[in-house]
């Protein structure tokens, strides 16, 4: 008996299967497969593995098996349920893709449509503003005219003052 508090359990309960047990399991599996074949419930993976084991399976036998539709196992064969939310991807031909792009415009979201409308409206406003047809453009042009007039008057005053200064020294 090992000393100390903890004991090691590794390798304690090892059980090896005897060859007789393996042979019996194999026979039981073959019986199950025969029963399934008789009742038409042979699984495709088992039949494939069985053909590989036999090695000399003729191609004629496999062709005749493929012709028969496979039965669905369990409840799935009785109930046909289709998920309404599942989207089936449809393959499109290349020549159809070219025609689709020309005929219909891409579907835009509400935000994208509003953004495009804003850009168009801003461009139209800028064009009208440049032509001077908007209220803001008229106000800007009026303001500019007033400023020009004030600058012209200021320039005339300066010239008059210069002339007055030039005339004063000549008189002396």
Protein backbone atom coordinates (compact mmCIF):
# COMPACT_ATOMS: atom_id res chain seq x y z
CA UNK A 1 0.00 0.00 0.00
CA UNK A 2 1.41 3.44 -0.96
CA UNK A 3 2.44 5.79 1.76
CA UNK A 4 1.02 9.27 2.04
CA UNK A 5 -2.29 10.98 1.56
CA UNK A 6 -2.62 10.83 -2.26
CA UNK A 7 -2.69 7.67 -4.33
CA UNK A 8 -2.07 7.23 -8.03
CA UNK A 9 -4.95 5.68 -10.01
CA UNK A 10 -3.20 5.36 -13.36
CA UNK A 11 -3.35 1.89 -14.85
CA UNK A 12 -5.43 0.43 -12.08
CA UNK A 13 -8.59 -0.59 -13.97
CA UNK A 14 -7.27 -1.50 -17.40
CA UNK A 15 -9.39 -4.01 -19.27
CA UNK A 16 -8.34 -5.55 -22.57
CA UNK A 17 -10.89 -7.06 -24.95
CA UNK A 18 -10.28 -10.69 -25.67
CA UNK A 19 -10.24 -11.95 -29.28
CA UNK A 20 -13.34 -14.07 -28.56
CA UNK A 21 -15.31 -10.97 -27.53
CA UNK A 22 -14.16 -9.10 -30.64
CA UNK A 23 -15.30 -11.99 -32.84
CA UNK A 24 -18.69 -12.08 -31.13
CA UNK A 25 -19.17 -8.32 -31.58
CA UNK A 26 -18.34 -8.64 -35.28
CA UNK A 27 -20.93 -11.41 -35.71
CA UNK A 28 -23.60 -9.38 -33.95
CA UNK A 29 -22.85 -6.39 -36.20
CA UNK A 30 -23.21 -8.59 -39.30
CA UNK A 31 -26.58 -9.86 -38.04
CA UNK A 32 -27.77 -6.28 -37.52
CA UNK A 33 -26.69 -5.34 -41.04
CA UNK A 34 -28.53 -8.32 -42.53
CA UNK A 35 -31.68 -7.37 -40.64
CA UNK A 36 -31.40 -3.77 -41.88
CA UNK A 37 -30.94 -4.95 -45.46
CA UNK A 38 -34.06 -7.08 -45.23
CA UNK A 39 -36.07 -4.16 -43.88
CA UNK A 40 -34.56 -1.59 -46.30
CA UNK A 41 -32.91 0.59 -43.70
CA UNK A 42 -29.30 0.18 -44.78
CA UNK A 43 -27.27 3.31 -44.09
CA UNK A 44 -25.27 4.64 -47.00
CA UNK A 45 -22.05 4.95 -45.00
CA UNK A 46 -22.31 1.34 -43.84
CA UNK A 47 -23.02 0.07 -47.34
CA UNK A 48 -20.03 1.95 -48.71
CA UNK A 49 -17.76 0.59 -46.00
CA UNK A 50 -19.18 -2.89 -46.63
CA UNK A 51 -18.38 -2.61 -50.38
CA UNK A 52 -14.86 -1.49 -49.56
CA UNK A 53 -14.43 -4.50 -47.25
CA UNK A 54 -15.62 -6.95 -49.87
CA UNK A 55 -13.19 -5.43 -52.41
CA UNK A 56 -14.64 -7.37 -55.35
CA UNK A 57 -17.98 -5.51 -55.46
CA UNK A 58 -19.14 -5.46 -59.06
CA UNK A 59 -20.05 -2.13 -60.67
CA UNK A 60 -23.38 -3.59 -61.78
CA UNK A 61 -24.47 -4.12 -58.17
CA UNK A 62 -23.59 -0.58 -57.16
CA UNK A 63 -25.42 0.87 -60.19
CA UNK A 64 -28.63 -0.96 -59.30
CA UNK A 65 -28.41 0.31 -55.70
CA UNK A 66 -28.03 3.93 -56.87
CA UNK A 67 -31.23 3.75 -58.95
CA UNK A 68 -33.40 3.21 -55.89
CA UNK A 69 -34.20 6.34 -53.83
CA UNK A 70 -32.90 6.13 -50.28
CA UNK A 71 -35.49 6.13 -47.53
CA UNK A 72 -35.33 8.84 -44.91
CA UNK A 73 -34.65 7.50 -41.44
CA UNK A 74 -36.77 8.22 -38.41
CA UNK A 75 -39.36 10.99 -38.21
CA UNK A 76 -37.72 13.15 -40.89
CA UNK A 77 -39.26 10.91 -43.56
CA UNK A 78 -42.77 11.47 -42.23
CA UNK A 79 -42.68 15.23 -41.69
CA UNK A 80 -41.67 17.63 -44.42
CA UNK A 81 -40.75 20.96 -42.91
CA UNK A 82 -39.23 23.87 -44.76
CA UNK A 83 -37.75 26.87 -43.02
CA UNK A 84 -39.51 29.98 -44.39
CA UNK A 85 -36.58 32.18 -43.33
CA UNK A 86 -34.01 30.19 -45.27
CA UNK A 87 -32.82 31.97 -48.38
CA UNK A 88 -31.82 29.67 -51.19
CA UNK A 89 -28.92 31.04 -53.18
CA UNK A 90 -29.79 31.03 -56.87
CA UNK A 91 -27.04 30.75 -59.42
CA UNK A 92 -27.12 33.40 -62.12
CA UNK A 93 -25.71 33.12 -65.59
CA UNK A 94 -23.05 35.58 -66.67
CA UNK A 95 -25.05 36.98 -69.60
CA UNK A 96 -28.04 37.59 -67.29
CA UNK A 97 -25.85 39.50 -64.85
CA UNK A 98 -24.88 41.99 -67.55
CA UNK A 99 -28.52 42.63 -68.47
CA UNK A 100 -29.60 43.04 -64.83
CA UNK A 101 -27.12 45.87 -64.25
CA UNK A 102 -28.43 47.93 -67.17
CA UNK A 103 -32.17 47.51 -66.64
CA UNK A 104 -32.70 48.31 -62.99
CA UNK A 105 -31.06 50.75 -60.59
CA UNK A 106 -29.61 49.39 -57.39
CA UNK A 107 -31.92 49.56 -54.40
CA UNK A 108 -30.72 52.31 -52.07
CA UNK A 109 -31.52 52.71 -48.42
CA UNK A 110 -33.51 55.70 -47.20
CA UNK A 111 -30.39 57.43 -45.84
CA UNK A 112 -28.51 56.96 -49.10
CA UNK A 113 -31.44 58.35 -51.12
CA UNK A 114 -31.72 61.37 -48.81
CA UNK A 115 -27.97 62.01 -49.03
CA UNK A 116 -28.10 61.94 -52.85
CA UNK A 117 -31.11 64.30 -52.84
CA UNK A 118 -29.23 66.70 -50.51
CA UNK A 119 -26.21 66.68 -52.81
CA UNK A 120 -28.37 67.39 -55.86
CA UNK A 121 -30.21 70.21 -54.07
CA UNK A 122 -26.91 71.75 -52.92
CA UNK A 123 -25.50 71.58 -56.46
CA UNK A 124 -28.66 73.21 -57.91
CA UNK A 125 -28.53 75.95 -55.26
CA UNK A 126 -24.86 76.66 -56.00
CA UNK A 127 -25.66 76.95 -59.69
CA UNK A 128 -28.52 79.40 -59.07
CA UNK A 129 -26.37 81.31 -56.58
CA UNK A 130 -23.61 81.70 -59.16
CA UNK A 131 -26.15 83.05 -61.65
CA UNK A 132 -27.44 85.50 -59.00
CA UNK A 133 -31.00 84.19 -58.93
CA UNK A 134 -31.28 83.37 -55.22
CA UNK A 135 -32.23 85.77 -52.42
CA UNK A 136 -28.87 85.33 -50.75
CA UNK A 137 -27.04 86.03 -54.02
CA UNK A 138 -29.09 89.22 -54.53
CA UNK A 139 -28.31 90.35 -50.99
CA UNK A 140 -24.59 89.63 -51.52
CA UNK A 141 -24.56 91.55 -54.81
CA UNK A 142 -26.32 94.53 -53.20
CA UNK A 143 -23.81 94.51 -50.33
CA UNK A 144 -20.93 94.35 -52.81
CA UNK A 145 -22.38 97.29 -54.78
CA UNK A 146 -22.61 99.38 -51.61
CA UNK A 147 -19.02 98.52 -50.68
CA UNK A 148 -17.78 99.43 -54.18
CA UNK A 149 -19.60 102.75 -54.00
CA UNK A 150 -18.10 103.50 -50.57
CA UNK A 151 -14.61 102.65 -51.82
CA UNK A 152 -15.02 104.87 -54.88
CA UNK A 153 -16.18 107.77 -52.68
CA UNK A 154 -13.23 107.22 -50.32
CA UNK A 155 -10.83 107.19 -53.27
CA UNK A 156 -12.31 110.47 -54.60
CA UNK A 157 -11.96 112.08 -51.16
CA UNK A 158 -8.32 111.02 -50.93
CA UNK A 159 -7.62 112.45 -54.36
CA UNK A 160 -9.36 115.69 -53.41
CA UNK A 161 -7.31 115.91 -50.20
CA UNK A 162 -4.10 115.27 -52.18
CA UNK A 163 -4.96 118.01 -54.61
CA UNK A 164 -5.77 120.33 -51.73
CA UNK A 165 -2.39 119.56 -50.10
CA UNK A 166 -0.58 120.05 -53.41
CA UNK A 167 -2.38 123.36 -54.06
CA UNK A 168 -1.56 124.76 -50.60
CA UNK A 169 2.27 124.65 -51.08
CA UNK A 170 1.99 126.23 -54.55
CA UNK A 171 0.14 129.22 -53.17
CA UNK A 172 2.96 130.01 -50.78
